Amino acid sequence: MLDKKKIKEKLEIERDILFEELRDMGKFNSETSEWEATPEEIDAPQSDQNDMADRFEDFEARSSKIKTLESRLNNILKALKGLNRESFGKCEVCKKDIETKRSPEYILRKRISLKVKL
């Protein structure tokens, strides 16, 4: 049997870490309900082309990482919302209980059958 209290604690910790990481790299756009990367602050008054290229690469990397973190955060928020459902902890494909030794991260991959190797 799954210990929902323990899972909830782990998910909340992960959620808080993800929020912090997202805030460090971007801002939340309430109009689109998505996180957007923000460029890193620069100390120099003027930048040459190399500095600008580096900033652009950094911005692209931030954008990519934000997409990954946002997807993970949405999965965690969805899991927290569904924690009290009777079907929580069951595979949506085969309807079997997910093994208790599996991590909450595995549980978030809810559409994968236990028969499928990850």
PDB file of N, CA and C in Angstrom:
ATOM      1  N   MET A   1       0.841  -1.193   0.000  1.00  0.00           N
ATOM      2  CA  MET A   1       0.000   0.000   0.000  1.00  0.00           C
ATOM      3  C   MET A   1       0.879   1.247   0.000  1.00  0.00           C
ATOM      4  N   LEU A   2       0.482   2.237  -0.748  1.00  0.00           N
ATOM      5  CA  LEU A   2       1.234   3.480  -0.837  1.00  0.00           C
ATOM      6  C   LEU A   2       1.001   4.342   0.399  1.00  0.00           C
ATOM      7  N   ASP A   3       2.073   4.919   0.922  1.00  0.00           N
ATOM      8  CA  ASP A   3       1.985   5.854   2.037  1.00  0.00           C
ATOM      9  C   ASP A   3       1.773   7.246   1.443  1.00  0.00           C
ATOM     10  N   LYS A   4       0.519   7.640   1.331  1.00  0.00           N
ATOM     11  CA  LYS A   4       0.187   8.899   0.658  1.00  0.00           C
ATOM     12  C   LYS A   4       0.772  10.109   1.376  1.00  0.00           C
ATOM     13  N   LYS A   5       0.885  10.027   2.698  1.00  0.00           N
ATOM     14  CA  LYS A   5       1.442  11.156   3.457  1.00  0.00           C
ATOM     15  C   LYS A   5       2.907  11.377   3.082  1.00  0.00           C
ATOM     16  N   LYS A   6       3.652  10.282   2.997  1.00  0.00           N
ATOM     17  CA  LYS A   6       5.069  10.362   2.630  1.00  0.00           C
ATOM     18  C   LYS A   6       5.232  10.862   1.191  1.00  0.00           C
ATOM     19  N   ILE A   7       4.401  10.347   0.314  1.00  0.00           N
ATOM     20  CA  ILE A   7       4.447  10.760  -1.091  1.00  0.00           C
ATOM     21  C   ILE A   7       4.111  12.242  -1.203  1.00  0.00           C
ATOM     22  N   LYS A   8       3.097  12.679  -0.464  1.00  0.00           N
ATOM     23  CA  LYS A   8       2.707  14.090  -0.497  1.00  0.00           C
ATOM     24  C   LYS A   8       3.865  14.972  -0.036  1.00  0.00           C
ATOM     25  N   GLU A   9       4.548  14.571   1.037  1.00  0.00           N
ATOM     26  CA  GLU A   9       5.687  15.349   1.537  1.00  0.00           C
ATOM     27  C   GLU A   9       6.786  15.455   0.484  1.00  0.00           C
ATOM     28  N   LYS A  10       7.109  14.334  -0.156  1.00  0.00           N
ATOM     29  CA  LYS A  10       8.152  14.338  -1.185  1.00  0.00           C
ATOM     30  C   LYS A  10       7.757  15.209  -2.375  1.00  0.00           C
ATOM     31  N   LEU A  11       6.503  15.101  -2.779  1.00  0.00           N
ATOM     32  CA  LEU A  11       6.030  15.901  -3.908  1.00  0.00           C
ATOM     33  C   LEU A  11       6.036  17.394  -3.577  1.00  0.00           C
ATOM     34  N   GLU A  12       5.661  17.739  -2.353  1.00  0.00           N
ATOM     35  CA  GLU A  12       5.663  19.154  -1.950  1.00  0.00           C
ATOM     36  C   GLU A  12       7.079  19.719  -1.901  1.00  0.00           C
ATOM     37  N   ILE A  13       8.027  18.919  -1.437  1.00  0.00           N
ATOM     38  CA  ILE A  13       9.427  19.356  -1.420  1.00  0.00           C
ATOM     39  C   ILE A  13       9.910  19.578  -2.847  1.00  0.00           C
ATOM     40  N   GLU A  14       9.623  18.628  -3.717  1.00  0.00           N
ATOM     41  CA  GLU A  14      10.021  18.743  -5.123  1.00  0.00           C
ATOM     42  C   GLU A  14       9.361  19.958  -5.775  1.00  0.00           C
ATOM     43  N   ARG A  15       8.084  20.171  -5.474  1.00  0.00           N
ATOM     44  CA  ARG A  15       7.361  21.337  -6.010  1.00  0.00           C
ATOM     45  C   ARG A  15       8.036  22.646  -5.596  1.00  0.00           C
ATOM     46  N   ASP A  16       8.396  22.749  -4.318  1.00  0.00           N
ATOM     47  CA  ASP A  16       9.032  23.967  -3.816  1.00  0.00           C
ATOM     48  C   ASP A  16      10.390  24.206  -4.464  1.00  0.00           C
ATOM     49  N   ILE A  17      11.151  23.140  -4.662  1.00  0.00           N
ATOM     50  CA  ILE A  17      12.459  23.249  -5.323  1.00  0.00           C
ATOM     51  C   ILE A  17      12.274  23.727  -6.761  1.00  0.00           C
ATOM     52  N   LEU A  18      11.305  23.149  -7.453  1.00  0.00           N
ATOM     53  CA  LEU A  18      11.056  23.542  -8.842  1.00  0.00           C
ATOM     54  C   LEU A  18      10.602  24.995  -8.949  1.00  0.00           C
ATOM     55  N   PHE A  19       9.727  25.428  -8.035  1.00  0.00           N
ATOM     56  CA  PHE A  19       9.306  26.836  -8.039  1.00  0.00           C
ATOM     57  C   PHE A  19      10.511  27.754  -7.871  1.00  0.00           C
ATOM     58  N   GLU A  20      11.406  27.403  -6.955  1.00  0.00           N
ATOM     59  CA  GLU A  20      12.599  28.221  -6.710  1.00  0.00           C
ATOM     60  C   GLU A  20      13.492  28.271  -7.948  1.00  0.00           C
ATOM     61  N   GLU A  21      13.716  27.126  -8.568  1.00  0.00           N
ATOM     62  CA  GLU A  21      14.547  27.084  -9.775  1.00  0.00           C
ATOM     63  C   GLU A  21      13.916  27.895 -10.907  1.00  0.00           C
ATOM     64  N   LEU A  22      12.613  27.779 -11.064  1.00  0.00           N
ATOM     65  CA  LEU A  22      11.929  28.528 -12.117  1.00  0.00           C
ATOM     66  C   LEU A  22      12.011  30.034 -11.861  1.00  0.00           C
ATOM     67  N   ARG A  23      11.853  30.440 -10.597  1.00  0.00           N
ATOM     68  CA  ARG A  23      11.956  31.865 -10.264  1.00  0.00           C
ATOM     69  C   ARG A  23      13.353  32.407 -10.529  1.00  0.00           C
ATOM     70  N   ASP A  24      14.366  31.570 -10.348  1.00  0.00           N
ATOM     71  CA  ASP A  24      15.747  32.000 -10.589  1.00  0.00           C
ATOM     72  C   ASP A  24      16.029  32.223 -12.073  1.00  0.00           C
ATOM     73  N   MET A  25      15.303  31.530 -12.942  1.00  0.00           N
ATOM     74  CA  MET A  25      15.587  31.597 -14.376  1.00  0.00           C
ATOM     75  C   MET A  25      14.569  32.379 -15.187  1.00  0.00           C
ATOM     76  N   GLY A  26      13.430  32.676 -14.587  1.00  0.00           N
ATOM     77  CA  GLY A  26      12.407  33.342 -15.377  1.00  0.00           C
ATOM     78  C   GLY A  26      11.309  33.927 -14.531  1.00  0.00           C
ATOM     79  N   LYS A  27      10.199  34.178 -15.187  1.00  0.00           N
ATOM     80  CA  LYS A  27       9.035  34.729 -14.497  1.00  0.00           C
ATOM     81  C   LYS A  27       7.785  34.043 -15.030  1.00  0.00           C
ATOM     82  N   PHE A  28       6.744  34.054 -14.214  1.00  0.00           N
ATOM     83  CA  PHE A  28       5.481  33.440 -14.593  1.00  0.00           C
ATOM     84  C   PHE A  28       4.617  34.469 -15.298  1.00  0.00           C
ATOM     85  N   ASN A  29       4.142  34.121 -16.485  1.00  0.00           N
ATOM     86  CA  ASN A  29       3.261  34.996 -17.248  1.00  0.00           C
ATOM     87  C   ASN A  29       1.823  34.565 -16.964  1.00  0.00           C
ATOM     88  N   SER A  30       1.094  35.382 -16.227  1.00  0.00           N
ATOM     89  CA  SER A  30      -0.270  35.016 -15.835  1.00  0.00           C
ATOM     90  C   SER A  30      -1.246  35.009 -17.014  1.00  0.00           C
ATOM     91  N   GLU A  31      -0.922  35.722 -18.074  1.00  0.00           N
ATOM     92  CA  GLU A  31      -1.801  35.730 -19.249  1.00  0.00           C
ATOM     93  C   GLU A  31      -1.761  34.406 -19.998  1.00  0.00           C
ATOM     94  N   THR A  32      -0.570  33.813 -20.089  1.00  0.00           N
ATOM     95  CA  THR A  32      -0.425  32.543 -20.808  1.00  0.00           C
ATOM     96  C   THR A  32      -0.358  31.347 -19.869  1.00  0.00           C
ATOM     97  N   SER A  33      -0.245  31.611 -18.568  1.00  0.00           N
ATOM     98  CA  SER A  33      -0.079  30.560 -17.548  1.00  0.00           C
ATOM     99  C   SER A  33       1.151  29.709 -17.821  1.00  0.00           C
ATOM    100  N   GLU A  34       2.206  30.348 -18.304  1.00  0.00           N
ATOM    101  CA  GLU A  34       3.459  29.651 -18.581  1.00  0.00           C
ATOM    102  C   GLU A  34       4.628  30.439 -18.006  1.00  0.00           C
ATOM    103  N   TRP A  35       5.717  29.726 -17.763  1.00  0.00           N
ATOM    104  CA  TRP A  35       6.952  30.358 -17.320  1.00  0.00           C
ATOM    105  C   TRP A  35       7.737  30.809 -18.542  1.00  0.00           C
ATOM    106  N   GLU A  36       8.360  31.979 -18.429  1.00  0.00           N
ATOM    107  CA  GLU A  36       9.168  32.523 -19.520  1.00  0.00           C
ATOM    108  C   GLU A  36      10.562  32.836 -18.999  1.00  0.00           C
ATOM    109  N   ALA A  37      11.556  32.494 -19.780  1.00  0.00           N
ATOM    110  CA  ALA A  37      12.942  32.769 -19.401  1.00  0.00           C
ATOM    111  C   ALA A  37      13.193  34.270 -19.410  1.00  0.00           C
ATOM    112  N   THR A  38      14.047  34.699 -18.498  1.00  0.00           N
ATOM    113  CA  THR A  38      14.494  36.094 -18.488  1.00  0.00           C
ATOM    114  C   THR A  38      16.002  36.094 -18.679  1.00  0.00           C
ATOM    115  N   PRO A  39      16.525  37.077 -19.398  1.00  0.00           N
ATOM    116  CA  PRO A  39      17.978  37.119 -19.600  1.00  0.00           C
ATOM    117  C   PRO A  39      18.695  37.429 -18.293  1.00  0.00           C
ATOM    118  N   GLU A  40      19.899  36.913 -18.178  1.00  0.00           N
ATOM    119  CA  GLU A  40      20.704  37.149 -16.988  1.00  0.00           C
ATOM    120  C   GLU A  40      21.140  38.613 -16.956  1.00  0.00           C
ATOM    121  N   GLU A  41      21.169  39.179 -15.754  1.00  0.00           N
ATOM    122  CA  GLU A  41      21.595  40.572 -15.594  1.00  0.00           C
ATOM    123  C   GLU A  41      23.072  40.707 -15.948  1.00  0.00           C
ATOM    124  N   ILE A  42      23.427  41.832 -16.583  1.00  0.00           N
ATOM    125  CA  ILE A  42      24.837  42.084 -16.898  1.00  0.00           C
ATOM    126  C   ILE A  42      25.303  43.315 -16.136  1.00  0.00           C
ATOM    127  N   ASP A  43      26.570  43.274 -15.717  1.00  0.00           N
ATOM    128  CA  ASP A  43      27.143  44.372 -14.950  1.00  0.00           C
ATOM    129  C   ASP A  43      27.805  45.411 -15.842  1.00  0.00           C
ATOM    130  N   ALA A  44      28.290  44.983 -16.982  1.00  0.00           N
ATOM    131  CA  ALA A  44      29.028  45.881 -17.876  1.00  0.00           C
ATOM    132  C   ALA A  44      28.067  46.843 -18.579  1.00  0.00           C
ATOM    133  N   PRO A  45      28.478  48.106 -18.740  1.00  0.00           N
ATOM    134  CA  PRO A  45      27.608  49.076 -19.406  1.00  0.00           C
ATOM    135  C   PRO A  45      27.390  48.770 -20.889  1.00  0.00           C
ATOM    136  N   GLN A  46      28.410  48.252 -21.559  1.00  0.00           N
ATOM    137  CA  GLN A  46      28.268  47.900 -22.970  1.00  0.00           C
ATOM    138  C   GLN A  46      28.811  46.496 -23.186  1.00  0.00           C
ATOM    139  N   SER A  47      28.250  45.841 -24.162  1.00  0.00           N
ATOM    140  CA  SER A  47      28.684  44.484 -24.464  1.00  0.00           C
ATOM    141  C   SER A  47      29.156  44.405 -25.900  1.00  0.00           C
ATOM    142  N   ASP A  48      30.192  43.598 -26.104  1.00  0.00           N
ATOM    143  CA  ASP A  48      30.622  43.376 -27.487  1.00  0.00           C
ATOM    144  C   ASP A  48      29.814  42.212 -28.069  1.00  0.00           C
ATOM    145  N   GLN A  49      30.100  41.869 -29.312  1.00  0.00           N
ATOM    146  CA  GLN A  49      29.334  40.815 -29.985  1.00  0.00           C
ATOM    147  C   GLN A  49      29.482  39.469 -29.291  1.00  0.00           C
ATOM    148  N   ASN A  50      30.671  39.176 -28.778  1.00  0.00           N
ATOM    149  CA  ASN A  50      30.881  37.902 -28.091  1.00  0.00           C
ATOM    150  C   ASN A  50      30.036  37.821 -26.821  1.00  0.00           C
ATOM    151  N   ASP A  51      29.996  38.917 -26.072  1.00  0.00           N
ATOM    152  CA  ASP A  51      29.171  38.938 -24.866  1.00  0.00           C
ATOM    153  C   ASP A  51      27.692  38.752 -25.208  1.00  0.00           C
ATOM    154  N   MET A  52      27.264  39.423 -26.247  1.00  0.00           N
ATOM    155  CA  MET A  52      25.866  39.307 -26.666  1.00  0.00           C
ATOM    156  C   MET A  52      25.546  37.884 -27.131  1.00  0.00           C
ATOM    157  N   ALA A  53      26.475  37.266 -27.830  1.00  0.00           N
ATOM    158  CA  ALA A  53      26.279  35.880 -28.277  1.00  0.00           C
ATOM    159  C   ALA A  53      26.196  34.950 -27.074  1.00  0.00           C
ATOM    160  N   ASP A  54      27.061  35.181 -26.082  1.00  0.00           N
ATOM    161  CA  ASP A  54      27.025  34.369 -24.860  1.00  0.00           C
ATOM    162  C   ASP A  54      25.695  34.543 -24.127  1.00  0.00           C
ATOM    163  N   ARG A  55      25.225  35.772 -24.048  1.00  0.00           N
ATOM    164  CA  ARG A  55      23.938  36.039 -23.385  1.00  0.00           C
ATOM    165  C   ARG A  55      22.795  35.353 -24.125  1.00  0.00           C
ATOM    166  N   PHE A  56      22.843  35.374 -25.454  1.00  0.00           N
ATOM    167  CA  PHE A  56      21.803  34.728 -26.246  1.00  0.00           C
ATOM    168  C   PHE A  56      21.818  33.216 -26.014  1.00  0.00           C
ATOM    169  N   GLU A  57      23.010  32.615 -25.999  1.00  0.00           N
ATOM    170  CA  GLU A  57      23.126  31.174 -25.742  1.00  0.00           C
ATOM    171  C   GLU A  57      22.601  30.836 -24.351  1.00  0.00           C
ATOM    172  N   ASP A  58      22.937  31.677 -23.373  1.00  0.00           N
ATOM    173  CA  ASP A  58      22.461  31.462 -22.010  1.00  0.00           C
ATOM    174  C   ASP A  58      20.934  31.546 -21.952  1.00  0.00           C
ATOM    175  N   PHE A  59      20.377  32.520 -22.660  1.00  0.00           N
ATOM    176  CA  PHE A  59      18.929  32.685 -22.691  1.00  0.00           C
ATOM    177  C   PHE A  59      18.259  31.464 -23.323  1.00  0.00           C
ATOM    178  N   GLU A  60      18.829  30.959 -24.389  1.00  0.00           N
ATOM    179  CA  GLU A  60      18.281  29.761 -25.045  1.00  0.00           C
ATOM    180  C   GLU A  60      18.346  28.556 -24.105  1.00  0.00           C
ATOM    181  N   ALA A  61      19.453  28.422 -23.385  1.00  0.00           N
ATOM    182  CA  ALA A  61      19.594  27.319 -22.430  1.00  0.00           C
ATOM    183  C   ALA A  61      18.563  27.453 -21.309  1.00  0.00           C
ATOM    184  N   ARG A  62      18.371  28.666 -20.828  1.00  0.00           N
ATOM    185  CA  ARG A  62      17.372  28.912 -19.784  1.00  0.00           C
ATOM    186  C   ARG A  62      15.970  28.557 -20.294  1.00  0.00           C
ATOM    187  N   SER A  63      15.662  28.955 -21.512  1.00  0.00           N
ATOM    188  CA  SER A  63      14.345  28.672 -22.096  1.00  0.00           C
ATOM    189  C   SER A  63      14.095  27.172 -22.171  1.00  0.00           C
ATOM    190  N   SER A  64      15.099  26.447 -22.594  1.00  0.00           N
ATOM    191  CA  SER A  64      14.980  24.996 -22.707  1.00  0.00           C
ATOM    192  C   SER A  64      14.789  24.355 -21.333  1.00  0.00           C
ATOM    193  N   LYS A  65      15.577  24.795 -20.367  1.00  0.00           N
ATOM    194  CA  LYS A  65      15.482  24.224 -19.023  1.00  0.00           C
ATOM    195  C   LYS A  65      14.137  24.569 -18.390  1.00  0.00           C
ATOM    196  N   ILE A  66      13.651  25.777 -18.633  1.00  0.00           N
ATOM    197  CA  ILE A  66      12.350  26.172 -18.080  1.00  0.00           C
ATOM    198  C   ILE A  66      11.248  25.260 -18.608  1.00  0.00           C
ATOM    199  N   LYS A  67      11.292  24.913 -19.880  1.00  0.00           N
ATOM    200  CA  LYS A  67      10.272  24.020 -20.444  1.00  0.00           C
ATOM    201  C   LYS A  67      10.287  22.672 -19.732  1.00  0.00           C
ATOM    202  N   THR A  68      11.485  22.156 -19.483  1.00  0.00           N
ATOM    203  CA  THR A  68      11.618  20.877 -18.793  1.00  0.00           C
ATOM    204  C   THR A  68      11.097  20.970 -17.362  1.00  0.00           C
ATOM    205  N   LEU A  69      11.524  22.013 -16.647  1.00  0.00           N
ATOM    206  CA  LEU A  69      11.101  22.185 -15.256  1.00  0.00           C
ATOM    207  C   LEU A  69       9.601  22.441 -15.153  1.00  0.00           C
ATOM    208  N   GLU A  70       9.065  23.211 -16.086  1.00  0.00           N
ATOM    209  CA  GLU A  70       7.635  23.517 -16.070  1.00  0.00           C
ATOM    210  C   GLU A  70       6.807  22.249 -16.285  1.00  0.00           C
ATOM    211  N   SER A  71       7.249  21.405 -17.180  1.00  0.00           N
ATOM    212  CA  SER A  71       6.554  20.147 -17.426  1.00  0.00           C
ATOM    213  C   SER A  71       6.572  19.273 -16.172  1.00  0.00           C
ATOM    214  N   ARG A  72       7.723  19.200 -15.549  1.00  0.00           N
ATOM    215  CA  ARG A  72       7.859  18.415 -14.314  1.00  0.00           C
ATOM    216  C   ARG A  72       6.981  19.002 -13.204  1.00  0.00           C
ATOM    217  N   LEU A  73       6.986  20.332 -13.078  1.00  0.00           N
ATOM    218  CA  LEU A  73       6.159  20.989 -12.065  1.00  0.00           C
ATOM    219  C   LEU A  73       4.679  20.701 -12.308  1.00  0.00           C
ATOM    220  N   ASN A  74       4.245  20.780 -13.546  1.00  0.00           N
ATOM    221  CA  ASN A  74       2.838  20.504 -13.862  1.00  0.00           C
ATOM    222  C   ASN A  74       2.457  19.073 -13.504  1.00  0.00           C
ATOM    223  N   ASN A  75       3.366  18.123 -13.728  1.00  0.00           N
ATOM    224  CA  ASN A  75       3.103  16.730 -13.347  1.00  0.00           C
ATOM    225  C   ASN A  75       2.966  16.595 -11.835  1.00  0.00           C
ATOM    226  N   ILE A  76       3.817  17.292 -11.102  1.00  0.00           N
ATOM    227  CA  ILE A  76       3.771  17.226  -9.641  1.00  0.00           C
ATOM    228  C   ILE A  76       2.490  17.873  -9.121  1.00  0.00           C
ATOM    229  N   LEU A  77       2.123  19.019  -9.662  1.00  0.00           N
ATOM    230  CA  LEU A  77       0.887  19.680  -9.242  1.00  0.00           C
ATOM    231  C   LEU A  77      -0.327  18.802  -9.537  1.00  0.00           C
ATOM    232  N   LYS A  78      -0.292  18.135 -10.668  1.00  0.00           N
ATOM    233  CA  LYS A  78      -1.376  17.223 -11.043  1.00  0.00           C
ATOM    234  C   LYS A  78      -1.435  16.036 -10.071  1.00  0.00           C
ATOM    235  N   ALA A  79      -0.274  15.510  -9.700  1.00  0.00           N
ATOM    236  CA  ALA A  79      -0.225  14.390  -8.762  1.00  0.00           C
ATOM    237  C   ALA A  79      -0.725  14.820  -7.384  1.00  0.00           C
ATOM    238  N   LEU A  80      -0.333  16.006  -6.939  1.00  0.00           N
ATOM    239  CA  LEU A  80      -0.804  16.501  -5.644  1.00  0.00           C
ATOM    240  C   LEU A  80      -2.318  16.688  -5.645  1.00  0.00           C
ATOM    241  N   LYS A  81      -2.842  17.161  -6.751  1.00  0.00           N
ATOM    242  CA  LYS A  81      -4.285  17.372  -6.877  1.00  0.00           C
ATOM    243  C   LYS A  81      -5.033  16.035  -6.827  1.00  0.00           C
ATOM    244  N   GLY A  82      -4.453  15.016  -7.448  1.00  0.00           N
ATOM    245  CA  GLY A  82      -5.123  13.724  -7.536  1.00  0.00           C
ATOM    246  C   GLY A  82      -4.759  12.750  -6.434  1.00  0.00           C
ATOM    247  N   LEU A  83      -4.000  13.210  -5.456  1.00  0.00           N
ATOM    248  CA  LEU A  83      -3.512  12.327  -4.399  1.00  0.00           C
ATOM    249  C   LEU A  83      -4.637  11.647  -3.629  1.00  0.00           C
ATOM    250  N   ASN A  84      -5.750  12.303  -3.466  1.00  0.00           N
ATOM    251  CA  ASN A  84      -6.845  11.738  -2.678  1.00  0.00           C
ATOM    252  C   ASN A  84      -7.826  10.904  -3.496  1.00  0.00           C
ATOM    253  N   ARG A  85      -7.581  10.827  -4.789  1.00  0.00           N
ATOM    254  CA  ARG A  85      -8.455   9.980  -5.614  1.00  0.00           C
ATOM    255  C   ARG A  85      -8.183   8.506  -5.321  1.00  0.00           C
ATOM    256  N   GLU A  86      -9.185   7.712  -5.483  1.00  0.00           N
ATOM    257  CA  GLU A  86      -9.050   6.273  -5.251  1.00  0.00           C
ATOM    258  C   GLU A  86      -8.078   5.636  -6.242  1.00  0.00           C
ATOM    259  N   SER A  87      -7.995   6.200  -7.434  1.00  0.00           N
ATOM    260  CA  SER A  87      -7.145   5.627  -8.478  1.00  0.00           C
ATOM    261  C   SER A  87      -5.677   6.034  -8.350  1.00  0.00           C
ATOM    262  N   PHE A  88      -5.341   6.906  -7.383  1.00  0.00           N
ATOM    263  CA  PHE A  88      -3.948   7.325  -7.241  1.00  0.00           C
ATOM    264  C   PHE A  88      -3.091   6.121  -6.860  1.00  0.00           C
ATOM    265  N   GLY A  89      -1.960   5.979  -7.540  1.00  0.00           N
ATOM    266  CA  GLY A  89      -1.055   4.870  -7.272  1.00  0.00           C
ATOM    267  C   GLY A  89      -1.350   3.642  -8.111  1.00  0.00           C
ATOM    268  N   LYS A  90      -2.292   3.777  -9.034  1.00  0.00           N
ATOM    269  CA  LYS A  90      -2.612   2.676  -9.946  1.00  0.00           C
ATOM    270  C   LYS A  90      -2.209   3.080 -11.357  1.00  0.00           C
ATOM    271  N   CYS A  91      -1.733   2.118 -12.099  1.00  0.00           N
ATOM    272  CA  CYS A  91      -1.367   2.357 -13.491  1.00  0.00           C
ATOM    273  C   CYS A  91      -2.646   2.603 -14.287  1.00  0.00           C
ATOM    274  N   GLU A  92      -2.655   3.655 -15.088  1.00  0.00           N
ATOM    275  CA  GLU A  92      -3.846   3.944 -15.893  1.00  0.00           C
ATOM    276  C   GLU A  92      -4.034   2.954 -17.031  1.00  0.00           C
ATOM    277  N   VAL A  93      -2.961   2.282 -17.425  1.00  0.00           N
ATOM    278  CA  VAL A  93      -3.044   1.348 -18.540  1.00  0.00           C
ATOM    279  C   VAL A  93      -3.569  -0.009 -18.074  1.00  0.00           C
ATOM    280  N   CYS A  94      -2.913  -0.597 -17.057  1.00  0.00           N
ATOM    281  CA  CYS A  94      -3.297  -1.952 -16.639  1.00  0.00           C
ATOM    282  C   CYS A  94      -4.099  -1.972 -15.336  1.00  0.00           C
ATOM    283  N   LYS A  95      -4.254  -0.820 -14.687  1.00  0.00           N
ATOM    284  CA  LYS A  95      -5.053  -0.656 -13.459  1.00  0.00           C
ATOM    285  C   LYS A  95      -4.483  -1.385 -12.247  1.00  0.00           C
ATOM    286  N   LYS A  96      -3.244  -1.876 -12.330  1.00  0.00           N
ATOM    287  CA  LYS A  96      -2.619  -2.545 -11.190  1.00  0.00           C
ATOM    288  C   LYS A  96      -1.978  -1.508 -10.281  1.00  0.00           C
ATOM    289  N   ASP A  97      -1.825  -1.899  -8.994  1.00  0.00           N
ATOM    290  CA  ASP A  97      -1.141  -1.014  -8.054  1.00  0.00           C
ATOM    291  C   ASP A  97       0.315  -0.858  -8.462  1.00  0.00           C
ATOM    292  N   ILE A  98       0.821   0.353  -8.308  1.00  0.00           N
ATOM    293  CA  ILE A  98       2.243   0.602  -8.551  1.00  0.00           C
ATOM    294  C   ILE A  98       2.991   0.131  -7.315  1.00  0.00           C
ATOM    295  N   GLU A  99       4.088  -0.561  -7.516  1.00  0.00           N
ATOM    296  CA  GLU A  99       4.857  -1.114  -6.407  1.00  0.00           C
ATOM    297  C   GLU A  99       5.256  -0.018  -5.431  1.00  0.00           C
ATOM    298  N   THR A 100       5.222  -0.340  -4.125  1.00  0.00           N
ATOM    299  CA  THR A 100       5.538   0.664  -3.112  1.00  0.00           C
ATOM    300  C   THR A 100       7.000   1.076  -3.134  1.00  0.00           C
ATOM    301  N   LYS A 101       7.862   0.244  -3.695  1.00  0.00           N
ATOM    302  CA  LYS A 101       9.277   0.621  -3.735  1.00  0.00           C
ATOM    303  C   LYS A 101       9.563   1.631  -4.850  1.00  0.00           C
ATOM    304  N   ARG A 102       8.580   1.884  -5.694  1.00  0.00           N
ATOM    305  CA  ARG A 102       8.750   2.870  -6.762  1.00  0.00           C
ATOM    306  C   ARG A 102       8.716   4.270  -6.170  1.00  0.00           C
ATOM    307  N   SER A 103       9.421   5.167  -6.785  1.00  0.00           N
ATOM    308  CA  SER A 103       9.481   6.547  -6.299  1.00  0.00           C
ATOM    309  C   SER A 103       8.259   7.334  -6.759  1.00  0.00           C
ATOM    310  N   PRO A 104       7.994   8.472  -6.104  1.00  0.00           N
ATOM    311  CA  PRO A 104       6.898   9.328  -6.576  1.00  0.00           C
ATOM    312  C   PRO A 104       7.088   9.753  -8.036  1.00  0.00           C
ATOM    313  N   GLU A 105       8.342   9.876  -8.462  1.00  0.00           N
ATOM    314  CA  GLU A 105       8.614  10.254  -9.851  1.00  0.00           C
ATOM    315  C   GLU A 105       8.047   9.194 -10.801  1.00  0.00           C
ATOM    316  N   TYR A 106       8.161   7.926 -10.419  1.00  0.00           N
ATOM    317  CA  TYR A 106       7.610   6.858 -11.246  1.00  0.00           C
ATOM    318  C   TYR A 106       6.087   6.968 -11.291  1.00  0.00           C
ATOM    319  N   ILE A 107       5.502   7.283 -10.153  1.00  0.00           N
ATOM    320  CA  ILE A 107       4.050   7.394 -10.081  1.00  0.00           C
ATOM    321  C   ILE A 107       3.555   8.506 -11.005  1.00  0.00           C
ATOM    322  N   LEU A 108       4.367   9.540 -11.189  1.00  0.00           N
ATOM    323  CA  LEU A 108       3.974  10.646 -12.060  1.00  0.00           C
ATOM    324  C   LEU A 108       3.871  10.211 -13.516  1.00  0.00           C
ATOM    325  N   ARG A 109       4.566   9.135 -13.867  1.00  0.00           N
ATOM    326  CA  ARG A 109       4.478   8.616 -15.237  1.00  0.00           C
ATOM    327  C   ARG A 109       3.277   7.688 -15.320  1.00  0.00           C
ATOM    328  N   LYS A 110       2.118   8.216 -15.020  1.00  0.00           N
ATOM    329  CA  LYS A 110       0.927   7.429 -14.764  1.00  0.00           C
ATOM    330  C   LYS A 110       0.375   6.651 -15.946  1.00  0.00           C
ATOM    331  N   ARG A 111       0.745   6.977 -17.150  1.00  0.00           N
ATOM    332  CA  ARG A 111       0.175   6.276 -18.297  1.00  0.00           C
ATOM    333  C   ARG A 111       1.016   5.085 -18.726  1.00  0.00           C
ATOM    334  N   ILE A 112       2.071   4.784 -18.009  1.00  0.00           N
ATOM    335  CA  ILE A 112       2.970   3.703 -18.405  1.00  0.00           C
ATOM    336  C   ILE A 112       2.606   2.438 -17.640  1.00  0.00           C
ATOM    337  N   SER A 113       2.404   1.390 -18.345  1.00  0.00           N
ATOM    338  CA  SER A 113       2.081   0.119 -17.723  1.00  0.00           C
ATOM    339  C   SER A 113       3.301  -0.446 -17.016  1.00  0.00           C
ATOM    340  N   LEU A 114       3.064  -1.188 -15.947  1.00  0.00           N
ATOM    341  CA  LEU A 114       4.167  -1.808 -15.209  1.00  0.00           C
ATOM    342  C   LEU A 114       4.912  -2.821 -16.070  1.00  0.00           C
ATOM    343  N   LYS A 115       4.279  -3.311 -17.108  1.00  0.00           N
ATOM    344  CA  LYS A 115       4.910  -4.302 -17.972  1.00  0.00           C
ATOM    345  C   LYS A 115       5.951  -3.671 -18.883  1.00  0.00           C
ATOM    346  N   VAL A 116       5.903  -2.358 -19.031  1.00  0.00           N
ATOM    347  CA  VAL A 116       6.834  -1.655 -19.911  1.00  0.00           C
ATOM    348  C   VAL A 116       8.093  -1.318 -19.131  1.00  0.00           C
ATOM    349  N   LYS A 117       9.245  -1.646 -19.685  1.00  0.00           N
ATOM    350  CA  LYS A 117      10.500  -1.289 -19.029  1.00  0.00           C
ATOM    351  C   LYS A 117      10.796   0.168 -19.278  1.00  0.00           C
ATOM    352  N   LEU A 118      11.186   0.859 -18.226  1.00  0.00           N
ATOM    353  CA  LEU A 118      11.508   2.284 -18.344  1.00  0.00           C
ATOM    354  C   LEU A 118      12.976   2.476 -18.578  1.00  0.00           C
TER     355      LEU A 118
END
